[in-house]
Amino acid sequence: MNIPMERLQYIADLFLRCEDVAENLWTAFTFVFEFNDGHIANSGFLYNGDEVEPATARIEEDMLLLSNTLREFREEVYEQCDWRFIKLLFQMDGETGRFKIDFEFEDKNRWEIHPGNMMEMREQLRPHFD
C-alpha cells in the first residue's frame, strides 16, 4: 500500500484530539475500530505505566470527524488492495510520538474486547515500539 505519510499523520493527530486522550495522563494508548454495515464502534485503553484505563475515541467538538475520516481511509485502502478492512488497530507511544496502524480484513474475532477478556486484551494490545 502506498498511503502518504501526511494522511497517516492527520489520522494520528485526530486521535490526539479525542476527549479521553486529551483529558487524561498517558504514556501510550491503543484503540480498535470495528466496521459493520455502516456502523463503526471503537474501544481501547490508555496506559500510564502500570495503570490502564478503558477508553473510547471520539472528538467532543466534532463527534463524527474521526469516524468519517476512518471510513474514507478504509475506502482509500480498498482502492489500493481490493479489500475493505473490518477492523483497524491504532497504537501510539506518548514519549516518542510514534504510532502504528494495523488492519484486519477477515477475522472478526481478532482484537475483540469484551468484559470477559478485558484484562487479557489490555495487555495483548499494549503498544510495543521496539
Protein backbone atom coordinates (compact mmCIF):
# COMPACT_ATOMS: atom_id res chain seq x y z
CA MET A 1 0.00 0.00 0.00
CA ASN A 2 1.11 3.50 -0.74
CA ILE A 3 -0.52 5.87 1.73
CA PRO A 4 1.08 9.29 2.11
CA MET A 5 2.67 9.94 5.50
CA GLU A 6 0.76 13.23 5.71
CA ARG A 7 -2.51 11.26 5.60
CA LEU A 8 -1.37 8.91 8.35
CA GLN A 9 -0.14 11.82 10.47
CA TYR A 10 -3.50 13.56 10.06
CA ILE A 11 -5.23 10.45 11.42
CA ALA A 12 -2.78 10.29 14.34
CA ASP A 13 -3.46 13.95 15.10
CA LEU A 14 -7.21 13.23 15.22
CA PHE A 15 -6.62 10.56 17.85
CA LEU A 16 -4.73 13.12 19.94
CA ARG A 17 -7.82 15.35 19.85
CA CYS A 18 -10.07 12.63 21.29
CA GLU A 19 -11.63 13.53 24.63
CA ASP A 20 -10.28 10.56 26.62
CA VAL A 21 -6.78 11.06 25.19
CA ALA A 22 -6.70 14.83 25.65
CA GLU A 23 -8.10 14.84 29.20
CA ASN A 24 -6.04 12.05 30.80
CA LEU A 25 -2.40 11.30 31.51
CA TRP A 26 -0.99 8.52 29.36
CA THR A 27 2.30 7.18 28.08
CA ALA A 28 0.67 5.09 25.34
CA PHE A 29 -2.76 4.23 24.01
CA THR A 30 -4.48 1.77 21.74
CA PHE A 31 -7.86 1.78 20.01
CA VAL A 32 -9.67 -0.87 17.99
CA PHE A 33 -12.28 0.26 15.45
CA GLU A 34 -14.80 -2.24 14.10
CA PHE A 35 -16.68 -1.58 10.85
CA ASN A 36 -20.11 -3.26 10.38
CA ASP A 37 -22.71 -2.43 7.73
CA GLY A 38 -22.34 1.34 8.00
CA HIS A 39 -21.82 1.28 11.77
CA ILE A 40 -18.48 1.92 13.47
CA ALA A 41 -17.69 1.01 17.08
CA ASN A 42 -14.47 1.51 18.99
CA SER A 43 -12.87 0.71 22.30
CA GLY A 44 -9.40 0.93 23.68
CA PHE A 45 -7.07 1.61 26.55
CA LEU A 46 -4.92 4.42 27.90
CA TYR A 47 -1.68 3.25 29.50
CA ASN A 48 0.25 5.23 32.10
CA GLY A 49 2.98 2.94 33.37
CA ASP A 50 1.24 0.08 35.16
CA GLU A 51 -2.10 1.90 35.21
CA VAL A 52 -4.57 1.06 32.45
CA GLU A 53 -7.88 2.81 31.81
CA PRO A 54 -10.58 1.79 29.31
CA ALA A 55 -11.21 4.49 26.72
CA THR A 56 -13.20 5.37 23.64
CA ALA A 57 -12.07 7.52 20.73
CA ARG A 58 -14.26 10.49 19.89
CA ILE A 59 -13.63 14.18 19.37
CA GLU A 60 -16.03 16.12 21.57
CA GLU A 61 -16.40 19.18 19.34
CA ASP A 62 -16.93 17.09 16.18
CA MET A 63 -18.25 13.64 17.10
CA LEU A 64 -18.22 12.26 13.54
CA LEU A 65 -14.86 13.61 12.33
CA LEU A 66 -12.72 10.64 13.36
CA SER A 67 -15.27 8.02 12.26
CA ASN A 68 -15.85 9.71 8.91
CA THR A 69 -12.10 10.08 8.34
CA LEU A 70 -11.56 6.39 9.07
CA ARG A 71 -14.42 5.45 6.71
CA GLU A 72 -12.69 7.48 3.97
CA PHE A 73 -9.36 5.88 4.87
CA ARG A 74 -10.97 2.45 4.60
CA GLU A 75 -12.06 3.26 1.05
CA GLU A 76 -8.55 4.50 0.19
CA VAL A 77 -7.14 1.18 1.37
CA TYR A 78 -9.82 -0.67 -0.62
CA GLU A 79 -8.90 1.25 -3.79
CA GLN A 80 -5.31 0.10 -3.41
CA CYS A 81 -5.76 -3.55 -2.42
CA ASP A 82 -9.37 -4.53 -3.28
CA TRP A 83 -10.10 -5.47 0.35
CA ARG A 84 -12.02 -3.50 2.95
CA PHE A 85 -10.68 -3.95 6.44
CA ILE A 86 -13.24 -4.89 9.08
CA LYS A 87 -11.06 -3.72 11.98
CA LEU A 88 -8.41 -1.09 12.44
CA LEU A 89 -5.91 -1.05 15.30
CA PHE A 90 -4.27 2.26 16.18
CA GLN A 91 -1.46 2.44 18.75
CA MET A 92 0.62 5.41 19.88
CA ASP A 93 3.62 5.92 22.15
CA GLY A 94 3.38 9.22 24.02
CA GLU A 95 7.09 9.65 24.66
CA THR A 96 8.23 9.37 21.05
CA GLY A 97 5.02 10.21 19.18
CA ARG A 98 5.45 7.04 17.13
CA PHE A 99 2.28 5.30 16.03
CA LYS A 100 1.21 2.11 14.30
CA ILE A 101 -1.86 1.29 12.27
CA ASP A 102 -2.79 -2.31 11.54
CA PHE A 103 -5.75 -3.84 9.73
CA GLU A 104 -7.82 -6.99 9.95
CA PHE A 105 -9.59 -7.99 6.75
CA GLU A 106 -11.27 -11.31 7.66
CA ASP A 107 -11.16 -12.40 11.32
CA LYS A 108 -13.89 -10.51 13.17
CA ASN A 109 -12.73 -12.02 16.49
CA ARG A 110 -9.24 -10.53 16.26
CA TRP A 111 -8.71 -7.72 18.80
CA GLU A 112 -12.21 -8.38 20.19
CA ILE A 113 -12.64 -6.60 23.54
CA HIS A 114 -15.50 -7.61 25.84
CA PRO A 115 -15.95 -7.83 29.64
CA GLY A 116 -14.80 -11.45 29.76
CA ASN A 117 -11.40 -10.79 28.17
CA MET A 118 -10.74 -7.15 29.04
CA MET A 119 -7.79 -7.87 31.38
CA GLU A 120 -6.15 -10.14 28.83
CA MET A 121 -6.77 -7.82 25.87
CA ARG A 122 -5.50 -4.70 27.59
CA GLU A 123 -2.10 -6.38 27.87
CA GLN A 124 -2.24 -8.05 24.48
CA LEU A 125 -2.97 -4.68 22.84
CA ARG A 126 -0.42 -2.70 24.89
CA PRO A 127 1.75 -0.84 22.35
CA HIS A 128 5.35 -2.01 21.90
CA PHE A 129 7.65 0.03 19.70
CA ASP A 130 10.86 -1.98 19.78
